[in-house]
Amino acid sequence: MSHETKRNLMKDFSEFSDLQIREKIGQGRDGKINGDNLDIYLRTNDIRLESKNRDCHFFASDFIFDRINTENLEDTHSIGDINNVDWKNFVPSAEEDTLYKDSLKVLLGRIMVKYFPKFDWLGSILPDHISHALQNTMSQKSEVYWLPVQMKNEANYSDCVQIMKTYETQILEWYTKSGRGNYLC
């Protein structure tokens, strides 16, 4: 595959992701951007003064749409009086404690099956999923769209500012082109 073909392919992927993201934002969906450094160490076969091993620092990210719609949740005022918070708000109830212990049993059982061969029999009786109130919503497939890799190093302050500026510009463009630009104000 030629360099030009690779560039065109990457451009097509980028345009597809951009179109899909704008379409879903236009449908009222929201999401979040995840990012992390992408370090690549390039070794040269013949080290010379002008040709040395290189350590490249880039920033890769993706956009994931929320599976739970939070628009109906109240966010204009506090749920209660923050000056009079009772200690009982921080201590689990008996029901919550039982649910936690039951979930912990399943998780520990999975670890035992994975690392201790004598406990293989336990795998057949452990549930595949721990039941919870949002299990139907959370069992849906995540919609992940890759964003272009930025030639920036997150450890560098000015590059970090540029990464955030790129995100800000991209999000504004997506919401504006999808007709939800006023949502950001």
N, C-alpha and C. Protein backbone atom coordinates (compact mmCIF):
# COMPACT_ATOMS: atom_id res chain seq x y z
N MET A 1 0.86 -1.17 0.00
CA MET A 1 0.00 0.00 0.00
C MET A 1 0.91 1.24 0.00
N SER A 2 0.65 2.15 -0.88
CA SER A 2 1.48 3.35 -0.98
C SER A 2 1.18 4.33 0.15
N HIS A 3 2.10 5.27 0.34
CA HIS A 3 1.89 6.29 1.39
C HIS A 3 0.64 7.11 1.10
N GLU A 4 0.42 7.43 -0.15
CA GLU A 4 -0.76 8.23 -0.52
C GLU A 4 -2.04 7.46 -0.24
N THR A 5 -2.06 6.16 -0.51
CA THR A 5 -3.24 5.33 -0.24
C THR A 5 -3.50 5.26 1.26
N LYS A 6 -2.44 5.12 2.05
CA LYS A 6 -2.59 5.10 3.50
C LYS A 6 -3.16 6.42 4.01
N ARG A 7 -2.64 7.53 3.50
CA ARG A 7 -3.16 8.85 3.91
C ARG A 7 -4.64 8.99 3.55
N ASN A 8 -5.01 8.56 2.34
CA ASN A 8 -6.41 8.64 1.92
C ASN A 8 -7.30 7.76 2.78
N LEU A 9 -6.80 6.59 3.13
CA LEU A 9 -7.56 5.68 3.99
C LEU A 9 -7.78 6.30 5.38
N MET A 10 -6.73 6.87 5.95
CA MET A 10 -6.85 7.53 7.26
C MET A 10 -7.82 8.71 7.18
N LYS A 11 -7.77 9.46 6.09
CA LYS A 11 -8.68 10.59 5.92
C LYS A 11 -10.12 10.10 5.84
N ASP A 12 -10.35 8.99 5.10
CA ASP A 12 -11.70 8.42 5.00
C ASP A 12 -12.21 7.96 6.37
N PHE A 13 -11.35 7.31 7.15
CA PHE A 13 -11.74 6.89 8.51
C PHE A 13 -12.12 8.09 9.36
N SER A 14 -11.32 9.14 9.28
CA SER A 14 -11.55 10.35 10.07
C SER A 14 -12.88 10.99 9.68
N GLU A 15 -13.14 11.10 8.38
CA GLU A 15 -14.38 11.71 7.91
C GLU A 15 -15.59 10.87 8.32
N PHE A 16 -15.46 9.54 8.27
CA PHE A 16 -16.55 8.65 8.68
C PHE A 16 -16.87 8.85 10.17
N SER A 17 -15.82 8.85 11.01
CA SER A 17 -16.03 9.07 12.45
C SER A 17 -16.68 10.42 12.70
N ASP A 18 -16.18 11.45 12.03
CA ASP A 18 -16.71 12.80 12.21
C ASP A 18 -18.20 12.85 11.84
N LEU A 19 -18.56 12.23 10.72
CA LEU A 19 -19.95 12.21 10.28
C LEU A 19 -20.84 11.46 11.26
N GLN A 20 -20.38 10.30 11.74
CA GLN A 20 -21.15 9.51 12.69
C GLN A 20 -21.35 10.26 14.01
N ILE A 21 -20.30 10.91 14.49
CA ILE A 21 -20.40 11.66 15.75
C ILE A 21 -21.40 12.79 15.61
N ARG A 22 -21.31 13.56 14.52
CA ARG A 22 -22.25 14.67 14.31
C ARG A 22 -23.68 14.17 14.20
N GLU A 23 -23.88 13.05 13.53
CA GLU A 23 -25.22 12.50 13.36
C GLU A 23 -25.83 12.12 14.71
N LYS A 24 -25.07 11.47 15.56
CA LYS A 24 -25.58 11.05 16.86
C LYS A 24 -25.76 12.23 17.81
N ILE A 25 -24.90 13.22 17.73
CA ILE A 25 -25.09 14.44 18.53
C ILE A 25 -26.36 15.14 18.09
N GLY A 26 -26.62 15.13 16.78
CA GLY A 26 -27.86 15.72 16.25
C GLY A 26 -29.10 15.01 16.74
N GLN A 27 -28.97 13.73 17.11
CA GLN A 27 -30.09 12.95 17.64
C GLN A 27 -30.27 13.18 19.14
N GLY A 28 -29.43 14.05 19.73
CA GLY A 28 -29.56 14.37 21.15
C GLY A 28 -28.65 13.56 22.05
N ARG A 29 -27.74 12.80 21.47
CA ARG A 29 -26.82 11.98 22.27
C ARG A 29 -25.61 12.82 22.68
N ASP A 30 -25.07 12.50 23.83
CA ASP A 30 -23.86 13.15 24.33
C ASP A 30 -22.84 12.06 24.65
N GLY A 31 -21.61 12.49 24.89
CA GLY A 31 -20.58 11.52 25.19
C GLY A 31 -19.39 12.17 25.85
N LYS A 32 -18.26 11.46 25.79
CA LYS A 32 -17.06 11.99 26.41
C LYS A 32 -15.85 11.62 25.56
N ILE A 33 -14.81 12.40 25.72
CA ILE A 33 -13.56 12.16 25.03
C ILE A 33 -12.59 11.51 26.02
N ASN A 34 -11.97 10.44 25.58
CA ASN A 34 -10.92 9.78 26.36
C ASN A 34 -9.62 9.96 25.60
N GLY A 35 -8.54 10.19 26.31
CA GLY A 35 -7.26 10.35 25.64
C GLY A 35 -6.12 9.84 26.49
N ASP A 36 -5.06 9.46 25.83
CA ASP A 36 -3.87 8.99 26.54
C ASP A 36 -2.67 9.16 25.63
N ASN A 37 -1.49 9.19 26.27
CA ASN A 37 -0.28 9.33 25.48
C ASN A 37 -0.01 8.07 24.67
N LEU A 38 0.59 8.26 23.53
CA LEU A 38 0.98 7.16 22.65
C LEU A 38 2.47 7.33 22.40
N ASP A 39 3.27 6.51 23.06
CA ASP A 39 4.72 6.60 22.93
C ASP A 39 5.22 5.52 22.00
N ILE A 40 6.02 5.92 21.03
CA ILE A 40 6.59 4.98 20.08
C ILE A 40 8.10 5.17 20.08
N TYR A 41 8.81 4.06 20.26
CA TYR A 41 10.27 4.09 20.25
C TYR A 41 10.74 3.54 18.92
N LEU A 42 11.42 4.36 18.13
CA LEU A 42 11.90 3.96 16.81
C LEU A 42 13.39 3.66 16.88
N ARG A 43 13.73 2.44 16.54
CA ARG A 43 15.14 2.03 16.53
C ARG A 43 15.65 2.07 15.10
N THR A 44 16.83 2.59 14.95
CA THR A 44 17.46 2.60 13.64
C THR A 44 18.45 1.46 13.55
N ASN A 45 18.62 0.92 12.37
CA ASN A 45 19.55 -0.19 12.17
C ASN A 45 21.00 0.26 12.21
N ASP A 46 21.25 1.45 11.70
CA ASP A 46 22.61 1.95 11.60
C ASP A 46 22.68 3.32 12.29
N ILE A 47 23.14 3.33 13.53
CA ILE A 47 23.18 4.57 14.31
C ILE A 47 24.35 5.43 13.86
N ARG A 48 24.04 6.67 13.51
CA ARG A 48 25.05 7.66 13.11
C ARG A 48 24.69 8.97 13.77
N LEU A 49 25.49 9.99 13.54
CA LEU A 49 25.21 11.30 14.13
C LEU A 49 23.86 11.85 13.69
N GLU A 50 23.52 11.66 12.41
CA GLU A 50 22.27 12.21 11.90
C GLU A 50 21.13 11.18 11.91
N SER A 51 21.41 9.97 12.34
CA SER A 51 20.40 8.91 12.37
C SER A 51 20.52 8.14 13.68
N LYS A 52 19.69 8.50 14.67
CA LYS A 52 19.73 7.88 15.99
C LYS A 52 18.36 7.28 16.33
N ASN A 53 18.32 6.49 17.38
CA ASN A 53 17.04 6.00 17.89
C ASN A 53 16.22 7.20 18.35
N ARG A 54 14.91 7.11 18.14
CA ARG A 54 14.04 8.24 18.52
C ARG A 54 12.90 7.75 19.40
N ASP A 55 12.50 8.62 20.31
CA ASP A 55 11.36 8.36 21.18
C ASP A 55 10.30 9.39 20.81
N CYS A 56 9.22 8.94 20.17
CA CYS A 56 8.17 9.85 19.70
C CYS A 56 7.01 9.85 20.69
N HIS A 57 6.49 11.04 20.97
CA HIS A 57 5.37 11.19 21.90
C HIS A 57 4.19 11.79 21.14
N PHE A 58 3.07 11.05 21.12
CA PHE A 58 1.86 11.51 20.48
C PHE A 58 0.71 11.42 21.48
N PHE A 59 -0.47 11.88 21.05
CA PHE A 59 -1.65 11.81 21.91
C PHE A 59 -2.79 11.21 21.12
N ALA A 60 -3.30 10.07 21.56
CA ALA A 60 -4.41 9.38 20.90
C ALA A 60 -5.67 9.53 21.73
N SER A 61 -6.81 9.63 21.06
CA SER A 61 -8.06 9.81 21.79
C SER A 61 -9.22 9.20 21.02
N ASP A 62 -10.34 9.07 21.72
CA ASP A 62 -11.56 8.56 21.11
C ASP A 62 -12.76 9.25 21.75
N PHE A 63 -13.90 9.12 21.10
CA PHE A 63 -15.16 9.70 21.60
C PHE A 63 -16.11 8.54 21.85
N ILE A 64 -16.63 8.44 23.07
CA ILE A 64 -17.57 7.38 23.44
C ILE A 64 -18.90 8.01 23.83
N PHE A 65 -19.96 7.52 23.21
CA PHE A 65 -21.29 8.05 23.53
C PHE A 65 -21.81 7.44 24.82
N ASP A 66 -22.51 8.26 25.61
CA ASP A 66 -23.10 7.81 26.86
C ASP A 66 -24.20 6.80 26.57
N ARG A 67 -24.28 5.78 27.40
CA ARG A 67 -25.37 4.81 27.27
C ARG A 67 -26.58 5.24 28.09
N ILE A 68 -26.35 6.10 29.07
CA ILE A 68 -27.43 6.56 29.94
C ILE A 68 -27.69 8.03 29.65
N ASN A 69 -28.94 8.35 29.37
CA ASN A 69 -29.33 9.74 29.10
C ASN A 69 -29.48 10.46 30.43
N THR A 70 -28.72 11.52 30.63
CA THR A 70 -28.75 12.27 31.89
C THR A 70 -29.51 13.59 31.79
N GLU A 71 -30.15 13.85 30.64
CA GLU A 71 -30.83 15.13 30.47
C GLU A 71 -31.98 15.34 31.44
N ASN A 72 -32.62 14.26 31.89
CA ASN A 72 -33.77 14.41 32.78
C ASN A 72 -33.37 14.56 34.24
N LEU A 73 -32.08 14.51 34.53
CA LEU A 73 -31.63 14.65 35.91
C LEU A 73 -31.52 16.12 36.29
N GLU A 74 -31.93 16.43 37.49
CA GLU A 74 -31.90 17.80 38.00
C GLU A 74 -30.46 18.19 38.33
N ASP A 75 -30.03 19.33 37.79
CA ASP A 75 -28.67 19.79 38.09
C ASP A 75 -28.60 21.29 38.37
N THR A 76 -29.74 21.88 38.74
CA THR A 76 -29.73 23.32 39.01
C THR A 76 -29.63 23.64 40.49
N HIS A 77 -29.90 22.67 41.36
CA HIS A 77 -29.77 22.92 42.79
C HIS A 77 -29.40 21.61 43.51
N SER A 78 -29.00 21.74 44.74
CA SER A 78 -28.59 20.57 45.53
C SER A 78 -29.78 19.70 45.88
N ILE A 79 -29.52 18.42 46.07
CA ILE A 79 -30.58 17.48 46.45
C ILE A 79 -31.03 17.76 47.87
N GLY A 80 -30.09 18.13 48.72
CA GLY A 80 -30.42 18.41 50.12
C GLY A 80 -29.62 19.60 50.62
N ASP A 81 -29.72 19.85 51.90
CA ASP A 81 -29.00 20.95 52.54
C ASP A 81 -27.56 20.49 52.81
N ILE A 82 -26.59 21.07 52.11
CA ILE A 82 -25.20 20.63 52.26
C ILE A 82 -24.60 21.02 53.60
N ASN A 83 -25.24 21.92 54.32
CA ASN A 83 -24.74 22.33 55.64
C ASN A 83 -25.17 21.37 56.74
N ASN A 84 -26.16 20.54 56.46
CA ASN A 84 -26.67 19.60 57.45
C ASN A 84 -26.70 18.18 56.89
N VAL A 85 -25.53 17.67 56.55
CA VAL A 85 -25.43 16.31 56.02
C VAL A 85 -25.22 15.35 57.18
N ASP A 86 -26.08 14.35 57.26
CA ASP A 86 -26.01 13.37 58.32
C ASP A 86 -24.99 12.29 57.97
N TRP A 87 -24.33 11.71 58.95
CA TRP A 87 -23.32 10.67 58.72
C TRP A 87 -23.93 9.44 58.08
N LYS A 88 -25.22 9.24 58.26
CA LYS A 88 -25.90 8.06 57.71
C LYS A 88 -25.92 8.09 56.17
N ASN A 89 -25.74 9.29 55.60
CA ASN A 89 -25.69 9.40 54.14
C ASN A 89 -24.45 8.73 53.57
N PHE A 90 -23.42 8.54 54.37
CA PHE A 90 -22.15 7.98 53.91
C PHE A 90 -21.98 6.51 54.27
N VAL A 91 -22.80 6.00 55.16
CA VAL A 91 -22.70 4.62 55.60
C VAL A 91 -23.71 3.78 54.82
N PRO A 92 -23.26 2.66 54.21
CA PRO A 92 -24.20 1.83 53.45
C PRO A 92 -25.32 1.27 54.33
N SER A 93 -26.49 1.17 53.74
CA SER A 93 -27.62 0.55 54.45
C SER A 93 -27.39 -0.95 54.48
N ALA A 94 -28.23 -1.67 55.22
CA ALA A 94 -28.11 -3.13 55.30
C ALA A 94 -28.29 -3.77 53.92
N GLU A 95 -29.23 -3.25 53.13
CA GLU A 95 -29.45 -3.76 51.77
C GLU A 95 -28.23 -3.53 50.89
N GLU A 96 -27.67 -2.32 50.95
CA GLU A 96 -26.49 -2.00 50.15
C GLU A 96 -25.29 -2.85 50.56
N ASP A 97 -25.17 -3.09 51.85
CA ASP A 97 -24.07 -3.92 52.35
C ASP A 97 -24.20 -5.37 51.86
N THR A 98 -25.41 -5.90 51.88
CA THR A 98 -25.65 -7.26 51.38
C THR A 98 -25.36 -7.35 49.89
N LEU A 99 -25.82 -6.36 49.13
CA LEU A 99 -25.58 -6.33 47.69
C LEU A 99 -24.08 -6.27 47.39
N TYR A 100 -23.35 -5.46 48.14
CA TYR A 100 -21.90 -5.35 47.98
C TYR A 100 -21.22 -6.70 48.25
N LYS A 101 -21.58 -7.34 49.34
CA LYS A 101 -20.97 -8.63 49.69
C LYS A 101 -21.28 -9.71 48.67
N ASP A 102 -22.53 -9.73 48.16
CA ASP A 102 -22.89 -10.72 47.14
C ASP A 102 -22.11 -10.49 45.84
N SER A 103 -21.95 -9.23 45.46
CA SER A 103 -21.17 -8.91 44.25
C SER A 103 -19.71 -9.26 44.44
N LEU A 104 -19.19 -9.01 45.63
CA LEU A 104 -17.80 -9.32 45.94
C LEU A 104 -17.55 -10.82 45.88
N LYS A 105 -18.52 -11.62 46.33
CA LYS A 105 -18.39 -13.08 46.26
C LYS A 105 -18.21 -13.54 44.81
N VAL A 106 -18.98 -12.96 43.91
CA VAL A 106 -18.89 -13.33 42.50
C VAL A 106 -17.53 -12.92 41.93
N LEU A 107 -17.10 -11.70 42.22
CA LEU A 107 -15.82 -11.23 41.71
C LEU A 107 -14.65 -12.05 42.24
N LEU A 108 -14.66 -12.35 43.53
CA LEU A 108 -13.60 -13.17 44.11
C LEU A 108 -13.64 -14.60 43.57
N GLY A 109 -14.83 -15.11 43.33
CA GLY A 109 -14.98 -16.44 42.74
C GLY A 109 -14.37 -16.48 41.35
N ARG A 110 -14.57 -15.45 40.57
CA ARG A 110 -13.99 -15.39 39.22
C ARG A 110 -12.47 -15.37 39.28
N ILE A 111 -11.92 -14.64 40.23
CA ILE A 111 -10.46 -14.59 40.40
C ILE A 111 -9.94 -15.97 40.79
N MET A 112 -10.63 -16.64 41.70
CA MET A 112 -10.20 -17.97 42.14
C MET A 112 -10.23 -18.97 40.98
N VAL A 113 -11.26 -18.92 40.14
CA VAL A 113 -11.36 -19.82 38.99
C VAL A 113 -10.22 -19.55 38.01
N LYS A 114 -9.90 -18.28 37.83
CA LYS A 114 -8.87 -17.91 36.86
C LYS A 114 -7.47 -18.32 37.30
N TYR A 115 -7.15 -18.17 38.58
CA TYR A 115 -5.78 -18.38 39.03
C TYR A 115 -5.53 -19.67 39.81
N PHE A 116 -6.57 -20.36 40.23
CA PHE A 116 -6.40 -21.59 41.00
C PHE A 116 -7.15 -22.74 40.31
N PRO A 117 -6.42 -23.62 39.63
CA PRO A 117 -7.07 -24.70 38.87
C PRO A 117 -7.99 -25.59 39.70
N LYS A 118 -7.73 -25.73 40.97
CA LYS A 118 -8.57 -26.59 41.81
C LYS A 118 -10.00 -26.03 41.97
N PHE A 119 -10.18 -24.77 41.63
CA PHE A 119 -11.51 -24.14 41.77
C PHE A 119 -12.25 -24.04 40.43
N ASP A 120 -11.83 -24.80 39.42
CA ASP A 120 -12.51 -24.78 38.12
C ASP A 120 -13.99 -25.09 38.24
N TRP A 121 -14.34 -25.96 39.15
CA TRP A 121 -15.75 -26.35 39.35
C TRP A 121 -16.63 -25.15 39.71
N LEU A 122 -16.02 -24.14 40.31
CA LEU A 122 -16.76 -22.97 40.75
C LEU A 122 -17.27 -22.14 39.55
N GLY A 123 -16.54 -22.23 38.43
CA GLY A 123 -16.92 -21.45 37.24
C GLY A 123 -18.30 -21.77 36.71
N SER A 124 -18.74 -23.01 36.87
CA SER A 124 -20.05 -23.41 36.35
C SER A 124 -21.21 -22.87 37.18
N ILE A 125 -20.95 -22.48 38.42
CA ILE A 125 -22.06 -21.99 39.26
C ILE A 125 -22.04 -20.47 39.45
N LEU A 126 -20.96 -19.82 39.01
CA LEU A 126 -20.90 -18.35 39.13
C LEU A 126 -21.74 -17.71 38.03
N PRO A 127 -22.49 -16.68 38.36
CA PRO A 127 -23.28 -16.00 37.31
C PRO A 127 -22.36 -15.25 36.34
N ASP A 128 -22.78 -15.17 35.06
CA ASP A 128 -22.00 -14.44 34.06
C ASP A 128 -22.04 -12.93 34.31
N HIS A 129 -23.17 -12.46 34.84
CA HIS A 129 -23.33 -11.03 35.09
C HIS A 129 -23.88 -10.82 36.50
N ILE A 130 -23.43 -9.77 37.13
CA ILE A 130 -23.96 -9.39 38.44
C ILE A 130 -25.16 -8.49 38.19
N SER A 131 -26.32 -8.88 38.65
CA SER A 131 -27.52 -8.11 38.36
C SER A 131 -27.52 -6.78 39.12
N HIS A 132 -28.02 -5.75 38.43
CA HIS A 132 -28.13 -4.42 39.02
C HIS A 132 -29.22 -3.65 38.28
N ALA A 133 -29.57 -2.49 38.78
CA ALA A 133 -30.71 -1.73 38.26
C ALA A 133 -30.53 -1.31 36.80
N LEU A 134 -29.31 -1.06 36.36
CA LEU A 134 -29.08 -0.57 35.01
C LEU A 134 -28.46 -1.63 34.09
N GLN A 135 -28.66 -2.90 34.38
CA GLN A 135 -27.98 -3.94 33.62
C GLN A 135 -28.40 -3.98 32.16
N ASN A 136 -29.66 -3.70 31.83
CA ASN A 136 -30.07 -3.69 30.43
C ASN A 136 -29.40 -2.56 29.65
N THR A 137 -29.33 -1.39 30.27
CA THR A 137 -28.68 -0.26 29.63
C THR A 137 -27.18 -0.48 29.48
N MET A 138 -26.56 -0.98 30.53
CA MET A 138 -25.11 -1.16 30.52
C MET A 138 -24.67 -2.35 29.67
N SER A 139 -25.60 -3.23 29.30
CA SER A 139 -25.22 -4.37 28.46
C SER A 139 -25.18 -3.99 26.98
N GLN A 140 -25.62 -2.78 26.66
CA GLN A 140 -25.55 -2.32 25.27
C GLN A 140 -24.09 -2.09 24.88
N LYS A 141 -23.80 -2.30 23.62
CA LYS A 141 -22.46 -2.12 23.10
C LYS A 141 -22.08 -0.64 23.14
N SER A 142 -20.87 -0.34 23.58
CA SER A 142 -20.37 1.03 23.59
C SER A 142 -20.11 1.48 22.16
N GLU A 143 -20.45 2.72 21.88
CA GLU A 143 -20.19 3.29 20.56
C GLU A 143 -18.93 4.14 20.66
N VAL A 144 -17.83 3.63 20.11
CA VAL A 144 -16.53 4.27 20.21
C VAL A 144 -16.10 4.74 18.83
N TYR A 145 -15.68 5.99 18.73
CA TYR A 145 -15.19 6.55 17.47
C TYR A 145 -13.81 7.13 17.71
N TRP A 146 -12.85 6.67 16.92
CA TRP A 146 -11.46 7.13 17.07
C TRP A 146 -11.32 8.53 16.53
N LEU A 147 -10.55 9.33 17.24
CA LEU A 147 -10.23 10.68 16.82
C LEU A 147 -8.80 10.69 16.28
N PRO A 148 -8.46 11.69 15.47
CA PRO A 148 -7.11 11.72 14.90
C PRO A 148 -6.04 11.79 16.01
N VAL A 149 -4.94 11.11 15.76
CA VAL A 149 -3.79 11.15 16.68
C VAL A 149 -3.14 12.53 16.54
N GLN A 150 -2.90 13.16 17.67
CA GLN A 150 -2.26 14.48 17.67
C GLN A 150 -0.77 14.34 17.92
N MET A 151 0.01 15.08 17.20
CA MET A 151 1.47 15.05 17.37
C MET A 151 1.86 15.94 18.54
N LYS A 152 1.33 15.63 19.71
CA LYS A 152 1.55 16.43 20.92
C LYS A 152 1.98 15.51 22.05
N ASN A 153 2.75 16.07 22.97
CA ASN A 153 3.22 15.35 24.16
C ASN A 153 2.49 15.90 25.37
N GLU A 154 1.67 15.08 26.02
CA GLU A 154 0.86 15.56 27.14
C GLU A 154 1.70 15.99 28.34
N ALA A 155 2.97 15.60 28.39
CA ALA A 155 3.85 16.01 29.49
C ALA A 155 4.34 17.43 29.32
N ASN A 156 4.18 17.98 28.13
CA ASN A 156 4.59 19.35 27.84
C ASN A 156 3.38 20.27 28.03
N TYR A 157 3.53 21.31 28.84
CA TYR A 157 2.40 22.18 29.17
C TYR A 157 1.78 22.81 27.93
N SER A 158 2.58 23.36 27.04
CA SER A 158 2.02 24.03 25.86
C SER A 158 1.31 23.02 24.94
N ASP A 159 1.86 21.80 24.83
CA ASP A 159 1.18 20.77 24.04
C ASP A 159 -0.14 20.37 24.69
N CYS A 160 -0.16 20.30 26.01
CA CYS A 160 -1.38 19.95 26.74
C CYS A 160 -2.47 21.00 26.48
N VAL A 161 -2.09 22.27 26.49
CA VAL A 161 -3.04 23.35 26.19
C VAL A 161 -3.54 23.21 24.75
N GLN A 162 -2.66 22.87 23.83
CA GLN A 162 -3.06 22.68 22.44
C GLN A 162 -4.01 21.49 22.27
N ILE A 163 -3.78 20.43 23.01
CA ILE A 163 -4.68 19.27 22.98
C ILE A 163 -6.07 19.69 23.42
N MET A 164 -6.15 20.43 24.52
CA MET A 164 -7.45 20.88 25.03
C MET A 164 -8.12 21.85 24.06
N LYS A 165 -7.34 22.72 23.44
CA LYS A 165 -7.87 23.68 22.46
C LYS A 165 -8.44 22.92 21.25
N THR A 166 -7.75 21.87 20.82
CA THR A 166 -8.23 21.06 19.70
C THR A 166 -9.56 20.41 20.05
N TYR A 167 -9.67 19.87 21.28
CA TYR A 167 -10.93 19.27 21.72
C TYR A 167 -12.05 20.30 21.76
N GLU A 168 -11.74 21.45 22.30
CA GLU A 168 -12.75 22.51 22.41
C GLU A 168 -13.27 22.89 21.03
N THR A 169 -12.37 23.07 20.09
CA THR A 169 -12.75 23.43 18.72
C THR A 169 -13.57 22.32 18.08
N GLN A 170 -13.14 21.08 18.26
CA GLN A 170 -13.82 19.94 17.66
C GLN A 170 -15.23 19.78 18.21
N ILE A 171 -15.37 19.86 19.53
CA ILE A 171 -16.69 19.72 20.15
C ILE A 171 -17.63 20.84 19.70
N LEU A 172 -17.13 22.06 19.64
CA LEU A 172 -17.94 23.19 19.18
C LEU A 172 -18.40 22.96 17.74
N GLU A 173 -17.50 22.47 16.89
CA GLU A 173 -17.85 22.19 15.50
C GLU A 173 -18.91 21.10 15.40
N TRP A 174 -18.74 20.00 16.15
CA TRP A 174 -19.72 18.91 16.11
C TRP A 174 -21.10 19.40 16.51
N TYR A 175 -21.18 20.11 17.64
CA TYR A 175 -22.48 20.55 18.15
C TYR A 175 -23.10 21.61 17.26
N THR A 176 -22.28 22.50 16.70
CA THR A 176 -22.80 23.54 15.82
C THR A 176 -23.34 22.93 14.53
N LYS A 177 -22.57 22.06 13.91
CA LYS A 177 -23.00 21.44 12.64
C LYS A 177 -24.19 20.51 12.82
N SER A 178 -24.37 19.99 14.03
CA SER A 178 -25.52 19.09 14.26
C SER A 178 -26.75 19.85 14.75
N GLY A 179 -26.65 21.18 14.85
CA GLY A 179 -27.81 21.99 15.24
C GLY A 179 -28.00 22.11 16.75
N ARG A 180 -27.00 21.75 17.53
CA ARG A 180 -27.12 21.84 19.00
C ARG A 180 -26.09 22.79 19.59
N GLY A 181 -25.64 23.76 18.81
CA GLY A 181 -24.63 24.72 19.27
C GLY A 181 -25.05 25.48 20.51
N ASN A 182 -26.35 25.79 20.62
CA ASN A 182 -26.84 26.52 21.80
C ASN A 182 -26.79 25.68 23.07
N TYR A 183 -26.67 24.36 22.92
CA TYR A 183 -26.59 23.45 24.06
C TYR A 183 -25.32 23.69 24.88
N LEU A 184 -24.28 24.17 24.23
CA LEU A 184 -22.99 24.37 24.90
C LEU A 184 -22.93 25.68 25.69
N CYS A 185 -23.86 26.58 25.46
CA CYS A 185 -23.83 27.89 26.15
C CYS A 185 -24.43 27.84 27.53
